[in-house]
Structures are given as C-alpha cells and as structure tokens.
PDB file of N, CA and C in Angstrom:
ATOM      1  N   UNK A   1      94.919 100.940  65.743  1.00  0.00           N
ATOM      2  CA  UNK A   1      95.633 101.091  66.993  1.00  0.00           C
ATOM      3  C   UNK A   1      97.000 100.434  66.825  1.00  0.00           C
ATOM      4  N   UNK A   2      98.054 101.214  67.062  1.00  0.00           N
ATOM      5  CA  UNK A   2      99.389 100.653  66.902  1.00  0.00           C
ATOM      6  C   UNK A   2      99.819  99.881  68.153  1.00  0.00           C
ATOM      7  N   UNK A   3     100.979  99.258  68.053  1.00  0.00           N
ATOM      8  CA  UNK A   3     101.479  98.388  69.125  1.00  0.00           C
ATOM      9  C   UNK A   3     101.687  99.157  70.430  1.00  0.00           C
ATOM     10  N   UNK A   4     102.200 100.373  70.338  1.00  0.00           N
ATOM     11  CA  UNK A   4     102.444 101.183  71.547  1.00  0.00           C
ATOM     12  C   UNK A   4     101.130 101.513  72.258  1.00  0.00           C
ATOM     13  N   UNK A   5     100.107 101.872  71.510  1.00  0.00           N
ATOM     14  CA  UNK A   5      98.800 102.168  72.113  1.00  0.00           C
ATOM     15  C   UNK A   5      98.203 100.927  72.763  1.00  0.00           C
ATOM     16  N   UNK A   6      98.330  99.782  72.092  1.00  0.00           N
ATOM     17  CA  UNK A   6      97.828  98.530  72.663  1.00  0.00           C
ATOM     18  C   UNK A   6      98.553  98.198  73.959  1.00  0.00           C
ATOM     19  N   UNK A   7      99.874  98.421  73.966  1.00  0.00           N
ATOM     20  CA  UNK A   7     100.655  98.160  75.171  1.00  0.00           C
ATOM     21  C   UNK A   7     100.211  99.079  76.314  1.00  0.00           C
ATOM     22  N   UNK A   8     100.056 100.364  76.036  1.00  0.00           N
ATOM     23  CA  UNK A   8      99.649 101.313  77.075  1.00  0.00           C
ATOM     24  C   UNK A   8      98.264 100.974  77.620  1.00  0.00           C
ATOM     25  N   UNK A   9      97.367 100.581  76.744  1.00  0.00           N
ATOM     26  CA  UNK A   9      96.022 100.207  77.192  1.00  0.00           C
ATOM     27  C   UNK A   9      96.064  98.949  78.064  1.00  0.00           C
ATOM     28  N   UNK A  10      96.844  97.963  77.658  1.00  0.00           N
ATOM     29  CA  UNK A  10      96.983  96.736  78.452  1.00  0.00           C
ATOM     30  C   UNK A  10      97.643  97.038  79.792  1.00  0.00           C
ATOM     31  N   UNK A  11      98.621  97.926  79.785  1.00  0.00           N
ATOM     32  CA  UNK A  11      99.303  98.296  81.028  1.00  0.00           C
ATOM     33  C   UNK A  11      98.336  98.970  82.001  1.00  0.00           C
ATOM     34  N   UNK A  12      97.507  99.877  81.502  1.00  0.00           N
ATOM     35  CA  UNK A  12      96.505 100.531  82.368  1.00  0.00           C
ATOM     36  C   UNK A  12      95.509  99.515  82.912  1.00  0.00           C
ATOM     37  N   UNK A  13      95.144  98.534  82.094  1.00  0.00           N
ATOM     38  CA  UNK A  13      94.205  97.495  82.543  1.00  0.00           C
ATOM     39  C   UNK A  13      94.823  96.660  83.661  1.00  0.00           C
ATOM     40  N   UNK A  14      96.074  96.293  83.512  1.00  0.00           N
ATOM     41  CA  UNK A  14      96.764  95.509  84.537  1.00  0.00           C
ATOM     42  C   UNK A  14      96.891  96.324  85.823  1.00  0.00           C
ATOM     43  N   UNK A  15      97.194  97.606  85.713  1.00  0.00           N
ATOM     44  CA  UNK A  15      97.274  98.467  86.901  1.00  0.00           C
ATOM     45  C   UNK A  15      95.926  98.550  87.601  1.00  0.00           C
ATOM     46  N   UNK A  16      94.869  98.612  86.823  1.00  0.00           N
ATOM     47  CA  UNK A  16      93.520  98.650  87.381  1.00  0.00           C
ATOM     48  C   UNK A  16      93.192  97.358  88.122  1.00  0.00           C
ATOM     49  N   UNK A  17      93.524  96.232  87.511  1.00  0.00           N
ATOM     50  CA  UNK A  17      93.296  94.932  88.155  1.00  0.00           C
ATOM     51  C   UNK A  17      94.124  94.801  89.434  1.00  0.00           C
ATOM     52  N   UNK A  18      95.388  95.208  89.365  1.00  0.00           N
ATOM     53  CA  UNK A  18      96.256  95.127  90.540  1.00  0.00           C
ATOM     54  C   UNK A  18      95.703  95.993  91.674  1.00  0.00           C
ATOM     55  N   UNK A  19      95.222  97.170  91.350  1.00  0.00           N
ATOM     56  CA  UNK A  19      94.632  98.032  92.360  1.00  0.00           C
ATOM     57  C   UNK A  19      93.427  97.403  93.031  1.00  0.00           C
ATOM     58  N   UNK A  20      92.586  96.746  92.238  1.00  0.00           N
ATOM     59  CA  UNK A  20      91.421  96.086  92.829  1.00  0.00           C
ATOM     60  C   UNK A  20      91.846  94.937  93.725  1.00  0.00           C
ATOM     61  N   UNK A  21      92.782  94.117  93.272  1.00  0.00           N
ATOM     62  CA  UNK A  21      93.210  92.970  94.076  1.00  0.00           C
ATOM     63  C   UNK A  21      93.882  93.409  95.371  1.00  0.00           C
ATOM     64  N   UNK A  22      94.600  94.518  95.342  1.00  0.00           N
ATOM     65  CA  UNK A  22      95.160  95.066  96.583  1.00  0.00           C
ATOM     66  C   UNK A  22      94.039  95.498  97.520  1.00  0.00           C
ATOM     67  N   UNK A  23      93.065  96.179  96.975  1.00  0.00           N
ATOM     68  CA  UNK A  23      91.923  96.639  97.771  1.00  0.00           C
ATOM     69  C   UNK A  23      91.218  95.440  98.399  1.00  0.00           C
ATOM     70  N   UNK A  24      90.996  94.388  97.621  1.00  0.00           N
ATOM     71  CA  UNK A  24      90.338  93.186  98.121  1.00  0.00           C
ATOM     72  C   UNK A  24      91.151  92.528  99.240  1.00  0.00           C
ATOM     73  N   UNK A  25      92.456  92.445  99.051  1.00  0.00           N
ATOM     74  CA  UNK A  25      93.322  91.838 100.067  1.00  0.00           C
ATOM     75  C   UNK A  25      93.280  92.617 101.371  1.00  0.00           C
ATOM     76  N   UNK A  26      93.381  93.934 101.279  1.00  0.00           N
ATOM     77  CA  UNK A  26      93.325  94.767 102.480  1.00  0.00           C
ATOM     78  C   UNK A  26      91.953  94.643 103.140  1.00  0.00           C
ATOM     79  N   UNK A  27      90.903  94.613 102.347  1.00  0.00           N
ATOM     80  CA  UNK A  27      89.551  94.446 102.866  1.00  0.00           C
ATOM     81  C   UNK A  27      89.432  93.171 103.692  1.00  0.00           C
ATOM     82  N   UNK A  28      89.903  92.055 103.140  1.00  0.00           N
ATOM     83  CA  UNK A  28      89.804  90.769 103.836  1.00  0.00           C
ATOM     84  C   UNK A  28      90.631  90.776 105.114  1.00  0.00           C
ATOM     85  N   UNK A  29      91.870  91.231 105.037  1.00  0.00           N
ATOM     86  CA  UNK A  29      92.746  91.216 106.212  1.00  0.00           C
ATOM     87  C   UNK A  29      92.250  92.138 107.326  1.00  0.00           C
ATOM     88  N   UNK A  30      91.891  93.358 106.971  1.00  0.00           N
ATOM     89  CA  UNK A  30      91.434  94.307 107.989  1.00  0.00           C
ATOM     90  C   UNK A  30      90.121  93.846 108.603  1.00  0.00           C
ATOM     91  N   UNK A  31      89.207  93.360 107.780  1.00  0.00           N
ATOM     92  CA  UNK A  31      87.924  92.922 108.336  1.00  0.00           C
ATOM     93  C   UNK A  31      88.061  91.666 109.184  1.00  0.00           C
ATOM     94  N   UNK A  32      89.002  90.792 108.845  1.00  0.00           N
ATOM     95  CA  UNK A  32      89.266  89.636 109.711  1.00  0.00           C
ATOM     96  C   UNK A  32      89.753  90.125 111.071  1.00  0.00           C
ATOM     97  N   UNK A  33      90.606  91.134 111.061  1.00  0.00           N
ATOM     98  CA  UNK A  33      91.082  91.714 112.311  1.00  0.00           C
ATOM     99  C   UNK A  33      89.973  92.393 113.095  1.00  0.00           C
ATOM    100  N   UNK A  34      89.093  93.096 112.401  1.00  0.00           N
ATOM    101  CA  UNK A  34      87.971  93.757 113.075  1.00  0.00           C
ATOM    102  C   UNK A  34      87.021  92.741 113.704  1.00  0.00           C
ATOM    103  N   UNK A  35      86.780  91.659 113.005  1.00  0.00           N
ATOM    104  CA  UNK A  35      85.907  90.600 113.547  1.00  0.00           C
ATOM    105  C   UNK A  35      86.543  90.021 114.802  1.00  0.00           C
ATOM    106  N   UNK A  36      87.832  89.703 114.722  1.00  0.00           N
ATOM    107  CA  UNK A  36      88.521  89.139 115.893  1.00  0.00           C
ATOM    108  C   UNK A  36      88.504  90.124 117.053  1.00  0.00           C
ATOM    109  N   UNK A  37      88.792  91.376 116.784  1.00  0.00           N
ATOM    110  CA  UNK A  37      88.789  92.395 117.834  1.00  0.00           C
ATOM    111  C   UNK A  37      87.415  92.519 118.475  1.00  0.00           C
ATOM    112  N   UNK A  38      86.380  92.556 117.655  1.00  0.00           N
ATOM    113  CA  UNK A  38      85.020  92.687 118.172  1.00  0.00           C
ATOM    114  C   UNK A  38      84.623  91.470 119.018  1.00  0.00           C
ATOM    115  N   UNK A  39      84.916  90.275 118.545  1.00  0.00           N
ATOM    116  CA  UNK A  39      84.527  89.069 119.279  1.00  0.00           C
ATOM    117  C   UNK A  39      85.336  88.884 120.556  1.00  0.00           C
ATOM    118  N   UNK A  40      86.590  89.305 120.541  1.00  0.00           N
ATOM    119  CA  UNK A  40      87.420  89.172 121.743  1.00  0.00           C
ATOM    120  C   UNK A  40      87.111  90.238 122.789  1.00  0.00           C
ATOM    121  N   UNK A  41      86.679  91.407 122.342  1.00  0.00           N
ATOM    122  CA  UNK A  41      86.442  92.496 123.295  1.00  0.00           C
ATOM    123  C   UNK A  41      85.007  92.519 123.811  1.00  0.00           C
ATOM    124  N   UNK A  42      84.040  92.226 122.966  1.00  0.00           N
ATOM    125  CA  UNK A  42      82.644  92.289 123.394  1.00  0.00           C
ATOM    126  C   UNK A  42      81.786  91.436 122.478  1.00  0.00           C
ATOM    127  N   UNK A  43      81.308  90.327 122.994  1.00  0.00           N
ATOM    128  CA  UNK A  43      80.454  89.450 122.183  1.00  0.00           C
ATOM    129  C   UNK A  43      79.001  89.925 122.170  1.00  0.00           C
ATOM    130  N   UNK A  44      78.653  90.834 123.041  1.00  0.00           N
ATOM    131  CA  UNK A  44      77.255  91.274 123.134  1.00  0.00           C
ATOM    132  C   UNK A  44      76.924  92.391 122.149  1.00  0.00           C
ATOM    133  N   UNK A  45      77.897  93.179 121.813  1.00  0.00           N
ATOM    134  CA  UNK A  45      77.663  94.269 120.867  1.00  0.00           C
ATOM    135  C   UNK A  45      78.458  94.042 119.604  1.00  0.00           C
ATOM    136  N   UNK A  46      77.824  93.539 118.582  1.00  0.00           N
ATOM    137  CA  UNK A  46      78.521  93.261 117.331  1.00  0.00           C
ATOM    138  C   UNK A  46      78.466  94.488 116.425  1.00  0.00           C
ATOM    139  N   UNK A  47      79.600  95.132 116.257  1.00  0.00           N
ATOM    140  CA  UNK A  47      79.666  96.306 115.396  1.00  0.00           C
ATOM    141  C   UNK A  47      80.398  96.017 114.090  1.00  0.00           C
ATOM    142  N   UNK A  48      81.146  94.905 114.015  1.00  0.00           N
ATOM    143  CA  UNK A  48      81.937  94.646 112.817  1.00  0.00           C
ATOM    144  C   UNK A  48      81.111  94.525 111.534  1.00  0.00           C
ATOM    145  N   UNK A  49      79.853  94.011 111.577  1.00  0.00           N
ATOM    146  CA  UNK A  49      79.118  93.935 110.303  1.00  0.00           C
ATOM    147  C   UNK A  49      78.881  95.302 109.672  1.00  0.00           C
ATOM    148  N   UNK A  50      78.729  96.337 110.489  1.00  0.00           N
ATOM    149  CA  UNK A  50      78.497  97.676 109.949  1.00  0.00           C
ATOM    150  C   UNK A  50      79.732  98.195 109.223  1.00  0.00           C
ATOM    151  N   UNK A  51      80.887  97.975 109.821  1.00  0.00           N
ATOM    152  CA  UNK A  51      82.131  98.398 109.174  1.00  0.00           C
ATOM    153  C   UNK A  51      82.355  97.624 107.874  1.00  0.00           C
ATOM    154  N   UNK A  52      82.117  96.319 107.920  1.00  0.00           N
ATOM    155  CA  UNK A  52      82.307  95.482 106.739  1.00  0.00           C
ATOM    156  C   UNK A  52      81.317  95.868 105.637  1.00  0.00           C
ATOM    157  N   UNK A  53      80.077  96.119 106.021  1.00  0.00           N
ATOM    158  CA  UNK A  53      79.061  96.515 105.031  1.00  0.00           C
ATOM    159  C   UNK A  53      79.433  97.840 104.368  1.00  0.00           C
ATOM    160  N   UNK A  54      79.816  98.811 105.175  1.00  0.00           N
ATOM    161  CA  UNK A  54      80.180 100.115 104.619  1.00  0.00           C
ATOM    162  C   UNK A  54      81.350 100.027 103.658  1.00  0.00           C
ATOM    163  N   UNK A  55      82.388  99.347 104.067  1.00  0.00           N
ATOM    164  CA  UNK A  55      83.556  99.192 103.217  1.00  0.00           C
ATOM    165  C   UNK A  55      83.217  98.312 102.016  1.00  0.00           C
ATOM    166  N   UNK A  56      82.329  97.336 102.223  1.00  0.00           N
ATOM    167  CA  UNK A  56      81.920  96.458 101.136  1.00  0.00           C
ATOM    168  C   UNK A  56      81.245  97.210  99.998  1.00  0.00           C
ATOM    169  N   UNK A  57      80.527  98.265 100.327  1.00  0.00           N
ATOM    170  CA  UNK A  57      79.913  99.094  99.280  1.00  0.00           C
ATOM    171  C   UNK A  57      81.004  99.712  98.410  1.00  0.00           C
ATOM    172  N   UNK A  58      82.043 100.233  99.051  1.00  0.00           N
ATOM    173  CA  UNK A  58      83.160 100.797  98.295  1.00  0.00           C
ATOM    174  C   UNK A  58      83.885  99.748  97.464  1.00  0.00           C
ATOM    175  N   UNK A  59      84.067  98.564  98.026  1.00  0.00           N
ATOM    176  CA  UNK A  59      84.725  97.480  97.294  1.00  0.00           C
ATOM    177  C   UNK A  59      83.874  97.043  96.093  1.00  0.00           C
ATOM    178  N   UNK A  60      82.566  96.979  96.278  1.00  0.00           N
ATOM    179  CA  UNK A  60      81.668  96.614  95.171  1.00  0.00           C
ATOM    180  C   UNK A  60      81.731  97.662  94.058  1.00  0.00           C
ATOM    181  N   UNK A  61      81.793  98.931  94.432  1.00  0.00           N
ATOM    182  CA  UNK A  61      81.909  99.996  93.422  1.00  0.00           C
ATOM    183  C   UNK A  61      83.232  99.874  92.677  1.00  0.00           C
ATOM    184  N   UNK A  62      84.295  99.572  93.405  1.00  0.00           N
ATOM    185  CA  UNK A  62      85.599  99.387  92.774  1.00  0.00           C
ATOM    186  C   UNK A  62      85.554  98.201  91.810  1.00  0.00           C
ATOM    187  N   UNK A  63      84.942  97.097  92.219  1.00  0.00           N
ATOM    188  CA  UNK A  63      84.820  95.917  91.354  1.00  0.00           C
ATOM    189  C   UNK A  63      84.020  96.241  90.099  1.00  0.00           C
ATOM    190  N   UNK A  64      82.929  96.972  90.262  1.00  0.00           N
ATOM    191  CA  UNK A  64      82.115  97.350  89.100  1.00  0.00           C
ATOM    192  C   UNK A  64      82.920  98.206  88.137  1.00  0.00           C
ATOM    193  N   UNK A  65      83.720  99.108  88.679  1.00  0.00           N
ATOM    194  CA  UNK A  65      84.543  99.979  87.837  1.00  0.00           C
ATOM    195  C   UNK A  65      85.602  99.184  87.082  1.00  0.00           C
ATOM    196  N   UNK A  66      86.133  98.142  87.678  1.00  0.00           N
ATOM    197  CA  UNK A  66      87.191  97.352  87.047  1.00  0.00           C
ATOM    198  C   UNK A  66      86.629  96.288  86.101  1.00  0.00           C
ATOM    199  N   UNK A  67      85.563  95.604  86.510  1.00  0.00           N
ATOM    200  CA  UNK A  67      85.102  94.439  85.749  1.00  0.00           C
ATOM    201  C   UNK A  67      83.846  94.685  84.904  1.00  0.00           C
ATOM    202  N   UNK A  68      82.953  95.545  85.340  1.00  0.00           N
ATOM    203  CA  UNK A  68      81.692  95.743  84.622  1.00  0.00           C
ATOM    204  C   UNK A  68      81.760  96.943  83.686  1.00  0.00           C
ATOM    205  N   UNK A  69      82.311  98.054  84.172  1.00  0.00           N
ATOM    206  CA  UNK A  69      82.406  99.290  83.385  1.00  0.00           C
ATOM    207  C   UNK A  69      83.861  99.739  83.286  1.00  0.00           C
ATOM    208  N   UNK A  70      84.734  98.930  82.685  1.00  0.00           N
ATOM    209  CA  UNK A  70      86.164  99.270  82.699  1.00  0.00           C
ATOM    210  C   UNK A  70      86.508 100.546  81.928  1.00  0.00           C
ATOM    211  N   UNK A  71      85.680 100.953  80.982  1.00  0.00           N
ATOM    212  CA  UNK A  71      85.983 102.153  80.192  1.00  0.00           C
ATOM    213  C   UNK A  71      85.338 103.407  80.754  1.00  0.00           C
ATOM    214  N   UNK A  72      84.597 103.277  81.852  1.00  0.00           N
ATOM    215  CA  UNK A  72      83.912 104.427  82.427  1.00  0.00           C
ATOM    216  C   UNK A  72      84.940 105.407  82.973  1.00  0.00           C
ATOM    217  N   UNK A  73      84.970 106.595  82.416  1.00  0.00           N
ATOM    218  CA  UNK A  73      85.880 107.672  82.799  1.00  0.00           C
ATOM    219  C   UNK A  73      87.355 107.302  82.626  1.00  0.00           C
ATOM    220  N   UNK A  74      87.641 106.417  81.674  1.00  0.00           N
ATOM    221  CA  UNK A  74      89.021 106.023  81.388  1.00  0.00           C
ATOM    222  C   UNK A  74      89.686 107.083  80.506  1.00  0.00           C
ATOM    223  N   UNK A  75      90.997 107.005  80.315  1.00  0.00           N
ATOM    224  CA  UNK A  75      91.661 107.942  79.397  1.00  0.00           C
ATOM    225  C   UNK A  75      91.089 107.875  77.978  1.00  0.00           C
ATOM    226  N   UNK A  76      90.700 106.676  77.537  1.00  0.00           N
ATOM    227  CA  UNK A  76      90.092 106.548  76.210  1.00  0.00           C
ATOM    228  C   UNK A  76      88.763 107.281  76.152  1.00  0.00           C
ATOM    229  N   UNK A  77      87.977 107.177  77.225  1.00  0.00           N
ATOM    230  CA  UNK A  77      86.696 107.884  77.296  1.00  0.00           C
ATOM    231  C   UNK A  77      86.941 109.384  77.216  1.00  0.00           C
ATOM    232  N   UNK A  78      87.953 109.864  77.951  1.00  0.00           N
ATOM    233  CA  UNK A  78      88.282 111.292  77.927  1.00  0.00           C
ATOM    234  C   UNK A  78      88.621 111.747  76.514  1.00  0.00           C
ATOM    235  N   UNK A  79      89.442 110.964  75.814  1.00  0.00           N
ATOM    236  CA  UNK A  79      89.819 111.326  74.446  1.00  0.00           C
ATOM    237  C   UNK A  79      88.606 111.376  73.525  1.00  0.00           C
ATOM    238  N   UNK A  80      87.715 110.385  73.650  1.00  0.00           N
ATOM    239  CA  UNK A  80      86.499 110.387  72.819  1.00  0.00           C
ATOM    240  C   UNK A  80      85.655 111.625  73.098  1.00  0.00           C
ATOM    241  N   UNK A  81      85.496 111.971  74.384  1.00  0.00           N
ATOM    242  CA  UNK A  81      84.683 113.137  74.737  1.00  0.00           C
ATOM    243  C   UNK A  81      85.326 114.434  74.239  1.00  0.00           C
ATOM    244  N   UNK A  82      86.641 114.539  74.348  1.00  0.00           N
ATOM    245  CA  UNK A  82      87.339 115.730  73.856  1.00  0.00           C
ATOM    246  C   UNK A  82      87.103 115.891  72.370  1.00  0.00           C
ATOM    247  N   UNK A  83      87.277 114.805  71.608  1.00  0.00           N
ATOM    248  CA  UNK A  83      87.056 114.858  70.167  1.00  0.00           C
ATOM    249  C   UNK A  83      85.611 115.200  69.844  1.00  0.00           C
ATOM    250  N   UNK A  84      84.680 114.615  70.583  1.00  0.00           N
ATOM    251  CA  UNK A  84      83.258 114.888  70.368  1.00  0.00           C
ATOM    252  C   UNK A  84      82.942 116.369  70.610  1.00  0.00           C
ATOM    253  N   UNK A  85      83.453 116.911  71.683  1.00  0.00           N
ATOM    254  CA  UNK A  85      83.191 118.316  72.006  1.00  0.00           C
ATOM    255  C   UNK A  85      83.865 119.235  71.002  1.00  0.00           C
ATOM    256  N   UNK A  86      85.087 118.908  70.607  1.00  0.00           N
ATOM    257  CA  UNK A  86      85.776 119.731  69.605  1.00  0.00           C
ATOM    258  C   UNK A  86      85.023 119.737  68.283  1.00  0.00           C
ATOM    259  N   UNK A  87      84.525 118.572  67.864  1.00  0.00           N
ATOM    260  CA  UNK A  87      83.772 118.502  66.612  1.00  0.00           C
ATOM    261  C   UNK A  87      82.473 119.291  66.712  1.00  0.00           C
ATOM    262  N   UNK A  88      81.816 119.168  67.869  1.00  0.00           N
ATOM    263  CA  UNK A  88      80.564 119.893  68.068  1.00  0.00           C
ATOM    264  C   UNK A  88      80.809 121.401  68.052  1.00  0.00           C
ATOM    265  N   UNK A  89      81.903 121.852  68.653  1.00  0.00           N
ATOM    266  CA  UNK A  89      82.190 123.279  68.721  1.00  0.00           C
ATOM    267  C   UNK A  89      82.732 123.849  67.416  1.00  0.00           C
ATOM    268  N   UNK A  90      83.261 122.990  66.545  1.00  0.00           N
ATOM    269  CA  UNK A  90      83.787 123.479  65.290  1.00  0.00           C
ATOM    270  C   UNK A  90      82.732 123.483  64.183  1.00  0.00           C
ATOM    271  N   UNK A  91      81.601 122.890  64.429  1.00  0.00           N
ATOM    272  CA  UNK A  91      80.527 122.873  63.426  1.00  0.00           C
ATOM    273  C   UNK A  91      79.951 124.289  63.288  1.00  0.00           C
ATOM    274  N   UNK A  92      79.571 124.654  62.064  1.00  0.00           N
ATOM    275  CA  UNK A  92      78.984 125.990  61.882  1.00  0.00           C
ATOM    276  C   UNK A  92      77.658 126.103  62.645  1.00  0.00           C
ATOM    277  N   UNK A  93      77.379 127.270  63.173  1.00  0.00           N
ATOM    278  CA  UNK A  93      76.127 127.433  63.936  1.00  0.00           C
ATOM    279  C   UNK A  93      74.919 127.246  63.034  1.00  0.00           C
ATOM    280  N   UNK A  94      73.863 126.704  63.603  1.00  0.00           N
ATOM    281  CA  UNK A  94      72.625 126.489  62.852  1.00  0.00           C
ATOM    282  C   UNK A  94      71.849 127.794  62.822  1.00  0.00           C
ATOM    283  N   UNK A  95      71.305 128.132  61.642  1.00  0.00           N
ATOM    284  CA  UNK A  95      70.539 129.407  61.542  1.00  0.00           C
ATOM    285  C   UNK A  95      69.216 129.361  62.273  1.00  0.00           C
TER     286      UNK A  95
END
C-alpha cells in the first residue's frame, strides 16, 4: 500500500469518526430538548423514552459500523468483492 492509499484510507476513517461524533452530539442535544419539552408540557405522559430508544437503536448501529465493523461495506470491501467476482467469472467452467 503506497502513501497515497494510506492517506485516503485514513481520511475516510476520520470522516467516518467525524460523522459518528456529529450524530452523537445531535442525539444528545435533541433528546435533552425532548426530555425538557416532555417534562414541562406533561409530567403524566412520558413519551420521550420512546423517541430516545428508537433513535438510540440507530445510533448504536452507527457506532457498530464505525467502531466494531469499520470495513463492512467500505470501499476496500467493494474492491475485494469486485476482484473476487472477476476472478470467479474468468475461471474456466468446470466440466
């Protein structure tokens, strides 16, 4: 892997991390607002946990994609699959 490829891979990783941290920040700020709105408008009917839970599932999936499975469906994965399929299709047919 040459220097340019390493740079591009690192750049994509940083963009991925930045995207997750933005998502996390928006999640915290919006949900803090939803909690305040819910508690100020009606203390008897708490609906904010449902919104937070639903969005939390999406945030957890985003975190898993960034931190646990960073290569899942990445450009590198695409290149490997393309090469794999091309090699498979160029092999002579089995009798």
